[in-house]
Amino acid sequence: MSASRFDVHDAEIVALENHREAKELSLGLRMVGGARALLVFSGVESVSLGPFYDQNVLLALYEWTAAHSGARARCQEFELSVESTRAVLEGQVKFYELDPSVGLGGYILARDAVMTML
């Protein structure tokens, strides 16, 4: 499995904001215990997320890169295009997999992601 830089287990996604021109996507999170966080993906190249329900809770957020032996297989499981898979394997973007326990899941292809506690 890939490494996860972000401890988002049981965090609820309470907001999603896409800044297409800036190639930035933000997820507003309510962490376990009620603290708020903002997870910002920069250099976004592709997004496939859904469904967004009344409640959206993350099990995990995985970051797949060329350094992970299972990256190619994971790209194929999500049916990424040949070009997108190549971009992940050549280190141009990272493949962030949102693994939900409820609601919103999918992937984001982006250059980087940063989480800030609010």
PDB file of N, CA and C in Angstrom:
ATOM      1  N   MET A   1       0.854  -1.181   0.000  1.00  0.00           N
ATOM      2  CA  MET A   1       0.000   0.000   0.000  1.00  0.00           C
ATOM      3  C   MET A   1       0.893   1.234   0.000  1.00  0.00           C
ATOM      4  N   SER A   2       0.358   2.333  -0.412  1.00  0.00           N
ATOM      5  CA  SER A   2       1.123   3.576  -0.470  1.00  0.00           C
ATOM      6  C   SER A   2       1.271   4.188   0.912  1.00  0.00           C
ATOM      7  N   ALA A   3       2.183   5.100   1.006  1.00  0.00           N
ATOM      8  CA  ALA A   3       2.345   5.853   2.249  1.00  0.00           C
ATOM      9  C   ALA A   3       1.278   6.936   2.318  1.00  0.00           C
ATOM     10  N   SER A   4       0.869   7.268   3.506  1.00  0.00           N
ATOM     11  CA  SER A   4      -0.081   8.353   3.698  1.00  0.00           C
ATOM     12  C   SER A   4       0.566   9.415   4.565  1.00  0.00           C
ATOM     13  N   ARG A   5       0.737  10.612   4.012  1.00  0.00           N
ATOM     14  CA  ARG A   5       1.346  11.714   4.768  1.00  0.00           C
ATOM     15  C   ARG A   5       0.344  12.398   5.670  1.00  0.00           C
ATOM     16  N   PHE A   6      -0.923  12.134   5.460  1.00  0.00           N
ATOM     17  CA  PHE A   6      -1.971  12.875   6.136  1.00  0.00           C
ATOM     18  C   PHE A   6      -2.793  11.961   7.040  1.00  0.00           C
ATOM     19  N   ASP A   7      -2.949  12.352   8.296  1.00  0.00           N
ATOM     20  CA  ASP A   7      -3.776  11.602   9.226  1.00  0.00           C
ATOM     21  C   ASP A   7      -5.200  12.148   9.148  1.00  0.00           C
ATOM     22  N   VAL A   8      -5.998  11.545   8.263  1.00  0.00           N
ATOM     23  CA  VAL A   8      -7.364  12.019   8.039  1.00  0.00           C
ATOM     24  C   VAL A   8      -8.410  10.964   8.408  1.00  0.00           C
ATOM     25  N   HIS A   9      -7.983   9.905   9.097  1.00  0.00           N
ATOM     26  CA  HIS A   9      -8.918   8.834   9.448  1.00  0.00           C
ATOM     27  C   HIS A   9     -10.096   9.403  10.238  1.00  0.00           C
ATOM     28  N   ASP A  10     -11.295   9.133   9.751  1.00  0.00           N
ATOM     29  CA  ASP A  10     -12.563   9.580  10.338  1.00  0.00           C
ATOM     30  C   ASP A  10     -12.791  11.088  10.273  1.00  0.00           C
ATOM     31  N   ALA A  11     -12.007  11.796   9.442  1.00  0.00           N
ATOM     32  CA  ALA A  11     -12.264  13.226   9.235  1.00  0.00           C
ATOM     33  C   ALA A  11     -13.455  13.373   8.297  1.00  0.00           C
ATOM     34  N   GLU A  12     -14.318  14.336   8.597  1.00  0.00           N
ATOM     35  CA  GLU A  12     -15.479  14.587   7.761  1.00  0.00           C
ATOM     36  C   GLU A  12     -15.164  15.705   6.772  1.00  0.00           C
ATOM     37  N   ILE A  13     -15.466  15.471   5.504  1.00  0.00           N
ATOM     38  CA  ILE A  13     -15.319  16.507   4.486  1.00  0.00           C
ATOM     39  C   ILE A  13     -16.548  17.397   4.579  1.00  0.00           C
ATOM     40  N   VAL A  14     -16.341  18.655   4.952  1.00  0.00           N
ATOM     41  CA  VAL A  14     -17.456  19.581   5.139  1.00  0.00           C
ATOM     42  C   VAL A  14     -17.516  20.637   4.039  1.00  0.00           C
ATOM     43  N   ALA A  15     -16.474  20.711   3.213  1.00  0.00           N
ATOM     44  CA  ALA A  15     -16.472  21.678   2.112  1.00  0.00           C
ATOM     45  C   ALA A  15     -15.518  21.201   1.026  1.00  0.00           C
ATOM     46  N   LEU A  16     -15.855  21.561  -0.202  1.00  0.00           N
ATOM     47  CA  LEU A  16     -15.022  21.262  -1.357  1.00  0.00           C
ATOM     48  C   LEU A  16     -15.049  22.502  -2.239  1.00  0.00           C
ATOM     49  N   GLU A  17     -13.877  23.002  -2.593  1.00  0.00           N
ATOM     50  CA  GLU A  17     -13.808  24.207  -3.420  1.00  0.00           C
ATOM     51  C   GLU A  17     -12.781  23.992  -4.521  1.00  0.00           C
ATOM     52  N   ASN A  18     -13.196  24.246  -5.768  1.00  0.00           N
ATOM     53  CA  ASN A  18     -12.333  24.069  -6.924  1.00  0.00           C
ATOM     54  C   ASN A  18     -12.009  25.427  -7.527  1.00  0.00           C
ATOM     55  N   HIS A  19     -10.707  25.721  -7.654  1.00  0.00           N
ATOM     56  CA  HIS A  19     -10.244  26.945  -8.312  1.00  0.00           C
ATOM     57  C   HIS A  19      -9.579  26.508  -9.620  1.00  0.00           C
ATOM     58  N   ARG A  20     -10.400  26.351 -10.645  1.00  0.00           N
ATOM     59  CA  ARG A  20      -9.951  25.788 -11.920  1.00  0.00           C
ATOM     60  C   ARG A  20      -8.778  26.559 -12.521  1.00  0.00           C
ATOM     61  N   GLU A  21      -8.887  27.882 -12.595  1.00  0.00           N
ATOM     62  CA  GLU A  21      -7.833  28.684 -13.211  1.00  0.00           C
ATOM     63  C   GLU A  21      -6.509  28.573 -12.457  1.00  0.00           C
ATOM     64  N   ALA A  22      -6.586  28.480 -11.133  1.00  0.00           N
ATOM     65  CA  ALA A  22      -5.381  28.374 -10.303  1.00  0.00           C
ATOM     66  C   ALA A  22      -4.891  26.930 -10.186  1.00  0.00           C
ATOM     67  N   LYS A  23      -5.652  25.985 -10.750  1.00  0.00           N
ATOM     68  CA  LYS A  23      -5.323  24.553 -10.647  1.00  0.00           C
ATOM     69  C   LYS A  23      -5.160  24.144  -9.181  1.00  0.00           C
ATOM     70  N   GLU A  24      -6.157  24.545  -8.375  1.00  0.00           N
ATOM     71  CA  GLU A  24      -6.125  24.269  -6.941  1.00  0.00           C
ATOM     72  C   GLU A  24      -7.480  23.736  -6.491  1.00  0.00           C
ATOM     73  N   LEU A  25      -7.456  22.725  -5.640  1.00  0.00           N
ATOM     74  CA  LEU A  25      -8.673  22.154  -5.086  1.00  0.00           C
ATOM     75  C   LEU A  25      -8.494  22.072  -3.577  1.00  0.00           C
ATOM     76  N   SER A  26      -9.507  22.518  -2.831  1.00  0.00           N
ATOM     77  CA  SER A  26      -9.431  22.535  -1.373  1.00  0.00           C
ATOM     78  C   SER A  26     -10.538  21.691  -0.763  1.00  0.00           C
ATOM     79  N   LEU A  27     -10.181  20.939   0.265  1.00  0.00           N
ATOM     80  CA  LEU A  27     -11.153  20.191   1.054  1.00  0.00           C
ATOM     81  C   LEU A  27     -11.144  20.752   2.467  1.00  0.00           C
ATOM     82  N   GLY A  28     -12.311  21.194   2.934  1.00  0.00           N
ATOM     83  CA  GLY A  28     -12.464  21.598   4.322  1.00  0.00           C
ATOM     84  C   GLY A  28     -12.793  20.370   5.146  1.00  0.00           C
ATOM     85  N   LEU A  29     -12.043  20.146   6.211  1.00  0.00           N
ATOM     86  CA  LEU A  29     -12.207  18.937   7.022  1.00  0.00           C
ATOM     87  C   LEU A  29     -12.565  19.280   8.462  1.00  0.00           C
ATOM     88  N   ARG A  30     -13.420  18.447   9.061  1.00  0.00           N
ATOM     89  CA  ARG A  30     -13.662  18.480  10.505  1.00  0.00           C
ATOM     90  C   ARG A  30     -13.051  17.194  11.042  1.00  0.00           C
ATOM     91  N   MET A  31     -11.983  17.360  11.805  1.00  0.00           N
ATOM     92  CA  MET A  31     -11.240  16.215  12.307  1.00  0.00           C
ATOM     93  C   MET A  31     -11.973  15.592  13.491  1.00  0.00           C
ATOM     94  N   VAL A  32     -11.551  14.387  13.864  1.00  0.00           N
ATOM     95  CA  VAL A  32     -12.080  13.744  15.061  1.00  0.00           C
ATOM     96  C   VAL A  32     -11.790  14.677  16.237  1.00  0.00           C
ATOM     97  N   GLY A  33     -12.767  14.940  17.056  1.00  0.00           N
ATOM     98  CA  GLY A  33     -12.607  15.871  18.164  1.00  0.00           C
ATOM     99  C   GLY A  33     -13.062  17.282  17.832  1.00  0.00           C
ATOM    100  N   GLY A  34     -13.356  17.546  16.543  1.00  0.00           N
ATOM    101  CA  GLY A  34     -13.937  18.823  16.152  1.00  0.00           C
ATOM    102  C   GLY A  34     -12.996  19.858  15.566  1.00  0.00           C
ATOM    103  N   ALA A  35     -11.692  19.638  15.617  1.00  0.00           N
ATOM    104  CA  ALA A  35     -10.761  20.608  15.034  1.00  0.00           C
ATOM    105  C   ALA A  35     -11.005  20.713  13.530  1.00  0.00           C
ATOM    106  N   ARG A  36     -10.712  21.878  12.977  1.00  0.00           N
ATOM    107  CA  ARG A  36     -10.883  22.121  11.546  1.00  0.00           C
ATOM    108  C   ARG A  36      -9.528  22.090  10.842  1.00  0.00           C
ATOM    109  N   ALA A  37      -9.547  21.638   9.594  1.00  0.00           N
ATOM    110  CA  ALA A  37      -8.330  21.602   8.782  1.00  0.00           C
ATOM    111  C   ALA A  37      -8.696  21.928   7.344  1.00  0.00           C
ATOM    112  N   LEU A  38      -7.704  22.409   6.603  1.00  0.00           N
ATOM    113  CA  LEU A  38      -7.866  22.687   5.185  1.00  0.00           C
ATOM    114  C   LEU A  38      -6.808  21.891   4.448  1.00  0.00           C
ATOM    115  N   LEU A  39      -7.227  21.066   3.513  1.00  0.00           N
ATOM    116  CA  LEU A  39      -6.331  20.248   2.699  1.00  0.00           C
ATOM    117  C   LEU A  39      -6.362  20.831   1.297  1.00  0.00           C
ATOM    118  N   VAL A  40      -5.228  21.368   0.848  1.00  0.00           N
ATOM    119  CA  VAL A  40      -5.153  22.060  -0.439  1.00  0.00           C
ATOM    120  C   VAL A  40      -4.254  21.278  -1.393  1.00  0.00           C
ATOM    121  N   PHE A  41      -4.811  20.945  -2.551  1.00  0.00           N
ATOM    122  CA  PHE A  41      -4.077  20.277  -3.624  1.00  0.00           C
ATOM    123  C   PHE A  41      -3.688  21.344  -4.633  1.00  0.00           C
ATOM    124  N   SER A  42      -2.412  21.411  -4.992  1.00  0.00           N
ATOM    125  CA  SER A  42      -1.947  22.410  -5.950  1.00  0.00           C
ATOM    126  C   SER A  42      -1.411  21.736  -7.208  1.00  0.00           C
ATOM    127  N   GLY A  43      -1.466  22.461  -8.309  1.00  0.00           N
ATOM    128  CA  GLY A  43      -1.041  21.892  -9.588  1.00  0.00           C
ATOM    129  C   GLY A  43      -1.956  20.770 -10.026  1.00  0.00           C
ATOM    130  N   VAL A  44      -3.259  20.945  -9.812  1.00  0.00           N
ATOM    131  CA  VAL A  44      -4.236  19.899 -10.119  1.00  0.00           C
ATOM    132  C   VAL A  44      -4.343  19.705 -11.629  1.00  0.00           C
ATOM    133  N   GLU A  45      -4.185  18.461 -12.051  1.00  0.00           N
ATOM    134  CA  GLU A  45      -4.286  18.109 -13.466  1.00  0.00           C
ATOM    135  C   GLU A  45      -5.577  17.360 -13.786  1.00  0.00           C
ATOM    136  N   SER A  46      -6.087  16.599 -12.816  1.00  0.00           N
ATOM    137  CA  SER A  46      -7.293  15.804 -13.060  1.00  0.00           C
ATOM    138  C   SER A  46      -7.960  15.484 -11.730  1.00  0.00           C
ATOM    139  N   VAL A  47      -9.302  15.437 -11.755  1.00  0.00           N
ATOM    140  CA  VAL A  47     -10.076  15.140 -10.557  1.00  0.00           C
ATOM    141  C   VAL A  47     -11.227  14.220 -10.930  1.00  0.00           C
ATOM    142  N   SER A  48     -11.436  13.204 -10.126  1.00  0.00           N
ATOM    143  CA  SER A  48     -12.607  12.339 -10.265  1.00  0.00           C
ATOM    144  C   SER A  48     -13.089  12.008  -8.854  1.00  0.00           C
ATOM    145  N   LEU A  49     -14.150  12.698  -8.436  1.00  0.00           N
ATOM    146  CA  LEU A  49     -14.675  12.532  -7.083  1.00  0.00           C
ATOM    147  C   LEU A  49     -16.179  12.310  -7.118  1.00  0.00           C
ATOM    148  N   GLY A  50     -16.687  11.574  -6.149  1.00  0.00           N
ATOM    149  CA  GLY A  50     -18.130  11.408  -6.022  1.00  0.00           C
ATOM    150  C   GLY A  50     -18.438  10.185  -5.198  1.00  0.00           C
ATOM    151  N   PRO A  51     -19.608   9.977  -4.796  1.00  0.00           N
ATOM    152  CA  PRO A  51     -20.695  10.954  -4.706  1.00  0.00           C
ATOM    153  C   PRO A  51     -20.537  11.792  -3.440  1.00  0.00           C
ATOM    154  N   PHE A  52     -21.057  13.010  -3.455  1.00  0.00           N
ATOM    155  CA  PHE A  52     -21.020  13.891  -2.289  1.00  0.00           C
ATOM    156  C   PHE A  52     -22.366  13.802  -1.590  1.00  0.00           C
ATOM    157  N   TYR A  53     -22.384  13.238  -0.380  1.00  0.00           N
ATOM    158  CA  TYR A  53     -23.612  13.035   0.384  1.00  0.00           C
ATOM    159  C   TYR A  53     -23.729  14.057   1.517  1.00  0.00           C
ATOM    160  N   ASP A  54     -24.791  13.931   2.295  1.00  0.00           N
ATOM    161  CA  ASP A  54     -24.948  14.780   3.487  1.00  0.00           C
ATOM    162  C   ASP A  54     -23.777  14.588   4.440  1.00  0.00           C
ATOM    163  N   GLN A  55     -23.278  13.349   4.523  1.00  0.00           N
ATOM    164  CA  GLN A  55     -22.123  13.057   5.364  1.00  0.00           C
ATOM    165  C   GLN A  55     -21.062  12.401   4.499  1.00  0.00           C
ATOM    166  N   ASN A  56     -19.812  12.895   4.604  1.00  0.00           N
ATOM    167  CA  ASN A  56     -18.690  12.388   3.811  1.00  0.00           C
ATOM    168  C   ASN A  56     -17.500  12.229   4.745  1.00  0.00           C
ATOM    169  N   VAL A  57     -17.140  10.989   5.027  1.00  0.00           N
ATOM    170  CA  VAL A  57     -16.099  10.706   6.015  1.00  0.00           C
ATOM    171  C   VAL A  57     -14.991   9.895   5.354  1.00  0.00           C
ATOM    172  N   LEU A  58     -13.749  10.320   5.604  1.00  0.00           N
ATOM    173  CA  LEU A  58     -12.594   9.636   5.027  1.00  0.00           C
ATOM    174  C   LEU A  58     -12.108   8.494   5.908  1.00  0.00           C
ATOM    175  N   LEU A  59     -11.799   7.404   5.277  1.00  0.00           N
ATOM    176  CA  LEU A  59     -11.096   6.312   5.935  1.00  0.00           C
ATOM    177  C   LEU A  59      -9.603   6.626   5.877  1.00  0.00           C
ATOM    178  N   ALA A  60      -9.146   7.060   4.685  1.00  0.00           N
ATOM    179  CA  ALA A  60      -7.722   7.370   4.490  1.00  0.00           C
ATOM    180  C   ALA A  60      -7.544   8.211   3.231  1.00  0.00           C
ATOM    181  N   LEU A  61      -6.378   8.824   3.139  1.00  0.00           N
ATOM    182  CA  LEU A  61      -5.939   9.525   1.934  1.00  0.00           C
ATOM    183  C   LEU A  61      -4.571   8.960   1.593  1.00  0.00           C
ATOM    184  N   TYR A  62      -4.473   8.318   0.431  1.00  0.00           N
ATOM    185  CA  TYR A  62      -3.218   7.693   0.017  1.00  0.00           C
ATOM    186  C   TYR A  62      -2.547   8.537  -1.049  1.00  0.00           C
ATOM    187  N   GLU A  63      -1.239   8.619  -0.973  1.00  0.00           N
ATOM    188  CA  GLU A  63      -0.440   9.343  -1.953  1.00  0.00           C
ATOM    189  C   GLU A  63       0.388   8.329  -2.729  1.00  0.00           C
ATOM    190  N   TRP A  64       0.082   8.171  -4.016  1.00  0.00           N
ATOM    191  CA  TRP A  64       0.802   7.244  -4.882  1.00  0.00           C
ATOM    192  C   TRP A  64       1.776   8.022  -5.749  1.00  0.00           C
ATOM    193  N   THR A  65       3.032   7.582  -5.750  1.00  0.00           N
ATOM    194  CA  THR A  65       4.070   8.219  -6.563  1.00  0.00           C
ATOM    195  C   THR A  65       4.865   7.127  -7.276  1.00  0.00           C
ATOM    196  N   ALA A  66       5.785   7.569  -8.120  1.00  0.00           N
ATOM    197  CA  ALA A  66       6.645   6.627  -8.839  1.00  0.00           C
ATOM    198  C   ALA A  66       7.452   5.764  -7.875  1.00  0.00           C
ATOM    199  N   ALA A  67       7.679   6.247  -6.656  1.00  0.00           N
ATOM    200  CA  ALA A  67       8.474   5.511  -5.665  1.00  0.00           C
ATOM    201  C   ALA A  67       7.733   4.300  -5.094  1.00  0.00           C
ATOM    202  N   HIS A  68       6.412   4.237  -5.275  1.00  0.00           N
ATOM    203  CA  HIS A  68       5.620   3.131  -4.739  1.00  0.00           C
ATOM    204  C   HIS A  68       5.454   2.027  -5.779  1.00  0.00           C
ATOM    205  N   SER A  69       5.802   0.813  -5.393  1.00  0.00           N
ATOM    206  CA  SER A  69       5.779  -0.309  -6.334  1.00  0.00           C
ATOM    207  C   SER A  69       4.385  -0.594  -6.899  1.00  0.00           C
ATOM    208  N   GLY A  70       3.336  -0.264  -6.171  1.00  0.00           N
ATOM    209  CA  GLY A  70       1.983  -0.541  -6.640  1.00  0.00           C
ATOM    210  C   GLY A  70       1.331   0.600  -7.391  1.00  0.00           C
ATOM    211  N   ALA A  71       2.083   1.661  -7.698  1.00  0.00           N
ATOM    212  CA  ALA A  71       1.491   2.852  -8.323  1.00  0.00           C
ATOM    213  C   ALA A  71       0.868   2.550  -9.684  1.00  0.00           C
ATOM    214  N   ARG A  72       1.580   1.816 -10.526  1.00  0.00           N
ATOM    215  CA  ARG A  72       1.047   1.514 -11.866  1.00  0.00           C
ATOM    216  C   ARG A  72      -0.262   0.730 -11.757  1.00  0.00           C
ATOM    217  N   ALA A  73      -0.298  -0.284 -10.910  1.00  0.00           N
ATOM    218  CA  ALA A  73      -1.509  -1.098 -10.744  1.00  0.00           C
ATOM    219  C   ALA A  73      -2.673  -0.256 -10.221  1.00  0.00           C
ATOM    220  N   ARG A  74      -2.371   0.660  -9.296  1.00  0.00           N
ATOM    221  CA  ARG A  74      -3.434   1.505  -8.739  1.00  0.00           C
ATOM    222  C   ARG A  74      -3.989   2.438  -9.814  1.00  0.00           C
ATOM    223  N   CYS A  75      -3.112   2.994 -10.638  1.00  0.00           N
ATOM    224  CA  CYS A  75      -3.556   3.844 -11.758  1.00  0.00           C
ATOM    225  C   CYS A  75      -4.467   3.053 -12.695  1.00  0.00           C
ATOM    226  N   GLN A  76      -4.107   1.810 -12.955  1.00  0.00           N
ATOM    227  CA  GLN A  76      -4.921   0.969 -13.833  1.00  0.00           C
ATOM    228  C   GLN A  76      -6.263   0.636 -13.193  1.00  0.00           C
ATOM    229  N   GLU A  77      -6.274   0.383 -11.884  1.00  0.00           N
ATOM    230  CA  GLU A  77      -7.535   0.101 -11.185  1.00  0.00           C
ATOM    231  C   GLU A  77      -8.510   1.256 -11.302  1.00  0.00           C
ATOM    232  N   PHE A  78      -7.988   2.482 -11.269  1.00  0.00           N
ATOM    233  CA  PHE A  78      -8.831   3.670 -11.374  1.00  0.00           C
ATOM    234  C   PHE A  78      -9.054   4.089 -12.825  1.00  0.00           C
ATOM    235  N   GLU A  79      -8.528   3.288 -13.751  1.00  0.00           N
ATOM    236  CA  GLU A  79      -8.687   3.505 -15.193  1.00  0.00           C
ATOM    237  C   GLU A  79      -8.174   4.864 -15.643  1.00  0.00           C
ATOM    238  N   LEU A  80      -7.019   5.262 -15.098  1.00  0.00           N
ATOM    239  CA  LEU A  80      -6.381   6.489 -15.556  1.00  0.00           C
ATOM    240  C   LEU A  80      -5.906   6.303 -16.985  1.00  0.00           C
ATOM    241  N   SER A  81      -5.886   7.379 -17.738  1.00  0.00           N
ATOM    242  CA  SER A  81      -5.410   7.318 -19.117  1.00  0.00           C
ATOM    243  C   SER A  81      -3.924   6.969 -19.129  1.00  0.00           C
ATOM    244  N   VAL A  82      -3.431   6.568 -20.292  1.00  0.00           N
ATOM    245  CA  VAL A  82      -2.013   6.254 -20.454  1.00  0.00           C
ATOM    246  C   VAL A  82      -1.175   7.487 -20.109  1.00  0.00           C
ATOM    247  N   GLU A  83      -1.631   8.670 -20.556  1.00  0.00           N
ATOM    248  CA  GLU A  83      -0.899   9.912 -20.305  1.00  0.00           C
ATOM    249  C   GLU A  83      -0.852  10.236 -18.806  1.00  0.00           C
ATOM    250  N   SER A  84      -1.969  10.070 -18.117  1.00  0.00           N
ATOM    251  CA  SER A  84      -2.009  10.350 -16.676  1.00  0.00           C
ATOM    252  C   SER A  84      -1.146   9.363 -15.906  1.00  0.00           C
ATOM    253  N   THR A  85      -1.215   8.095 -16.271  1.00  0.00           N
ATOM    254  CA  THR A  85      -0.388   7.075 -15.626  1.00  0.00           C
ATOM    255  C   THR A  85       1.090   7.396 -15.822  1.00  0.00           C
ATOM    256  N   ARG A  86       1.459   7.785 -17.033  1.00  0.00           N
ATOM    257  CA  ARG A  86       2.847   8.142 -17.324  1.00  0.00           C
ATOM    258  C   ARG A  86       3.274   9.341 -16.466  1.00  0.00           C
ATOM    259  N   ALA A  87       2.400  10.331 -16.320  1.00  0.00           N
ATOM    260  CA  ALA A  87       2.725  11.509 -15.508  1.00  0.00           C
ATOM    261  C   ALA A  87       2.997  11.121 -14.052  1.00  0.00           C
ATOM    262  N   VAL A  88       2.207  10.175 -13.511  1.00  0.00           N
ATOM    263  CA  VAL A  88       2.430   9.693 -12.146  1.00  0.00           C
ATOM    264  C   VAL A  88       3.758   8.954 -12.070  1.00  0.00           C
ATOM    265  N   LEU A  89       3.999   8.050 -12.998  1.00  0.00           N
ATOM    266  CA  LEU A  89       5.199   7.211 -12.951  1.00  0.00           C
ATOM    267  C   LEU A  89       6.482   7.984 -13.249  1.00  0.00           C
ATOM    268  N   GLU A  90       6.358   9.126 -13.943  1.00  0.00           N
ATOM    269  CA  GLU A  90       7.529   9.956 -14.231  1.00  0.00           C
ATOM    270  C   GLU A  90       7.718  11.066 -13.198  1.00  0.00           C
ATOM    271  N   GLY A  91       6.830  11.107 -12.182  1.00  0.00           N
ATOM    272  CA  GLY A  91       6.981  12.066 -11.102  1.00  0.00           C
ATOM    273  C   GLY A  91       6.480  13.469 -11.403  1.00  0.00           C
ATOM    274  N   GLN A  92       5.718  13.631 -12.481  1.00  0.00           N
ATOM    275  CA  GLN A  92       5.184  14.952 -12.827  1.00  0.00           C
ATOM    276  C   GLN A  92       4.026  15.340 -11.911  1.00  0.00           C
ATOM    277  N   VAL A  93       3.242  14.344 -11.485  1.00  0.00           N
ATOM    278  CA  VAL A  93       2.129  14.550 -10.552  1.00  0.00           C
ATOM    279  C   VAL A  93       2.092  13.385  -9.575  1.00  0.00           C
ATOM    280  N   LYS A  94       1.361  13.594  -8.492  1.00  0.00           N
ATOM    281  CA  LYS A  94       1.107  12.528  -7.527  1.00  0.00           C
ATOM    282  C   LYS A  94      -0.353  12.126  -7.656  1.00  0.00           C
ATOM    283  N   PHE A  95      -0.623  10.885  -7.360  1.00  0.00           N
ATOM    284  CA  PHE A  95      -1.976  10.337  -7.434  1.00  0.00           C
ATOM    285  C   PHE A  95      -2.487  10.227  -6.001  1.00  0.00           C
ATOM    286  N   TYR A  96      -3.425  11.115  -5.637  1.00  0.00           N
ATOM    287  CA  TYR A  96      -4.008  11.115  -4.299  1.00  0.00           C
ATOM    288  C   TYR A  96      -5.332  10.376  -4.351  1.00  0.00           C
ATOM    289  N   GLU A  97      -5.430   9.313  -3.586  1.00  0.00           N
ATOM    290  CA  GLU A  97      -6.637   8.484  -3.546  1.00  0.00           C
ATOM    291  C   GLU A  97      -7.408   8.775  -2.257  1.00  0.00           C
ATOM    292  N   LEU A  98      -8.627   9.282  -2.404  1.00  0.00           N
ATOM    293  CA  LEU A  98      -9.512   9.506  -1.262  1.00  0.00           C
ATOM    294  C   LEU A  98     -10.305   8.230  -1.039  1.00  0.00           C
ATOM    295  N   ASP A  99     -10.033   7.565   0.063  1.00  0.00           N
ATOM    296  CA  ASP A  99     -10.694   6.306   0.411  1.00  0.00           C
ATOM    297  C   ASP A  99     -11.763   6.617   1.460  1.00  0.00           C
ATOM    298  N   PRO A 100     -13.038   6.606   1.072  1.00  0.00           N
ATOM    299  CA  PRO A 100     -14.091   7.002   2.009  1.00  0.00           C
ATOM    300  C   PRO A 100     -14.605   5.851   2.850  1.00  0.00           C
ATOM    301  N   SER A 101     -15.064   6.175   4.044  1.00  0.00           N
ATOM    302  CA  SER A 101     -15.864   5.206   4.785  1.00  0.00           C
ATOM    303  C   SER A 101     -17.333   5.501   4.510  1.00  0.00           C
ATOM    304  N   VAL A 102     -17.641   6.778   4.199  1.00  0.00           N
ATOM    305  CA  VAL A 102     -18.988   7.202   3.808  1.00  0.00           C
ATOM    306  C   VAL A 102     -18.850   8.333   2.803  1.00  0.00           C
ATOM    307  N   GLY A 103     -19.559   8.246   1.695  1.00  0.00           N
ATOM    308  CA  GLY A 103     -19.654   9.377   0.772  1.00  0.00           C
ATOM    309  C   GLY A 103     -18.474   9.566  -0.150  1.00  0.00           C
ATOM    310  N   LEU A 104     -17.990  10.809  -0.215  1.00  0.00           N
ATOM    311  CA  LEU A 104     -17.050  11.263  -1.231  1.00  0.00           C
ATOM    312  C   LEU A 104     -15.762  10.453  -1.261  1.00  0.00           C
ATOM    313  N   GLY A 105     -15.430   9.973  -2.441  1.00  0.00           N
ATOM    314  CA  GLY A 105     -14.192   9.242  -2.676  1.00  0.00           C
ATOM    315  C   GLY A 105     -13.740   9.504  -4.094  1.00  0.00           C
ATOM    316  N   GLY A 106     -12.603   8.943  -4.464  1.00  0.00           N
ATOM    317  CA  GLY A 106     -12.091   9.104  -5.816  1.00  0.00           C
ATOM    318  C   GLY A 106     -10.627   9.452  -5.797  1.00  0.00           C
ATOM    319  N   TYR A 107     -10.213  10.273  -6.798  1.00  0.00           N
ATOM    320  CA  TYR A 107      -8.799  10.616  -6.879  1.00  0.00           C
ATOM    321  C   TYR A 107      -8.597  12.045  -7.368  1.00  0.00           C
ATOM    322  N   ILE A 108      -7.389  12.537  -7.067  1.00  0.00           N
ATOM    323  CA  ILE A 108      -6.935  13.841  -7.518  1.00  0.00           C
ATOM    324  C   ILE A 108      -5.503  13.663  -8.006  1.00  0.00           C
ATOM    325  N   LEU A 109      -5.221  14.089  -9.217  1.00  0.00           N
ATOM    326  CA  LEU A 109      -3.857  14.121  -9.722  1.00  0.00           C
ATOM    327  C   LEU A 109      -3.356  15.537  -9.558  1.00  0.00           C
ATOM    328  N   ALA A 110      -2.307  15.728  -8.745  1.00  0.00           N
ATOM    329  CA  ALA A 110      -1.809  17.069  -8.451  1.00  0.00           C
ATOM    330  C   ALA A 110      -0.310  17.009  -8.170  1.00  0.00           C
ATOM    331  N   ARG A 111       0.318  18.155  -8.269  1.00  0.00           N
ATOM    332  CA  ARG A 111       1.754  18.218  -7.982  1.00  0.00           C
ATOM    333  C   ARG A 111       2.049  18.059  -6.502  1.00  0.00           C
ATOM    334  N   ASP A 112       1.161  18.595  -5.643  1.00  0.00           N
ATOM    335  CA  ASP A 112       1.425  18.507  -4.212  1.00  0.00           C
ATOM    336  C   ASP A 112       0.153  18.728  -3.428  1.00  0.00           C
ATOM    337  N   ALA A 113       0.200  18.434  -2.144  1.00  0.00           N
ATOM    338  CA  ALA A 113      -0.910  18.682  -1.227  1.00  0.00           C
ATOM    339  C   ALA A 113      -0.333  19.105   0.120  1.00  0.00           C
ATOM    340  N   VAL A 114      -1.036  20.046   0.758  1.00  0.00           N
ATOM    341  CA  VAL A 114      -0.623  20.556   2.064  1.00  0.00           C
ATOM    342  C   VAL A 114      -1.865  20.630   2.946  1.00  0.00           C
ATOM    343  N   MET A 115      -1.732  20.147   4.194  1.00  0.00           N
ATOM    344  CA  MET A 115      -2.829  20.239   5.143  1.00  0.00           C
ATOM    345  C   MET A 115      -2.448  21.217   6.248  1.00  0.00           C
ATOM    346  N   THR A 116      -3.373  22.150   6.519  1.00  0.00           N
ATOM    347  CA  THR A 116      -3.169  23.158   7.542  1.00  0.00           C
ATOM    348  C   THR A 116      -4.291  23.054   8.572  1.00  0.00           C
ATOM    349  N   MET A 117      -3.929  22.987   9.839  1.00  0.00           N
ATOM    350  CA  MET A 117      -4.926  23.011  10.898  1.00  0.00           C
ATOM    351  C   MET A 117      -5.372  24.455  11.086  1.00  0.00           C
ATOM    352  N   LEU A 118      -6.685  24.647  11.220  1.00  0.00           N
ATOM    353  CA  LEU A 118      -7.240  26.010  11.340  1.00  0.00           C
ATOM    354  C   LEU A 118      -7.553  26.341  12.791  1.00  0.00           C
TER     355      LEU A 118
END
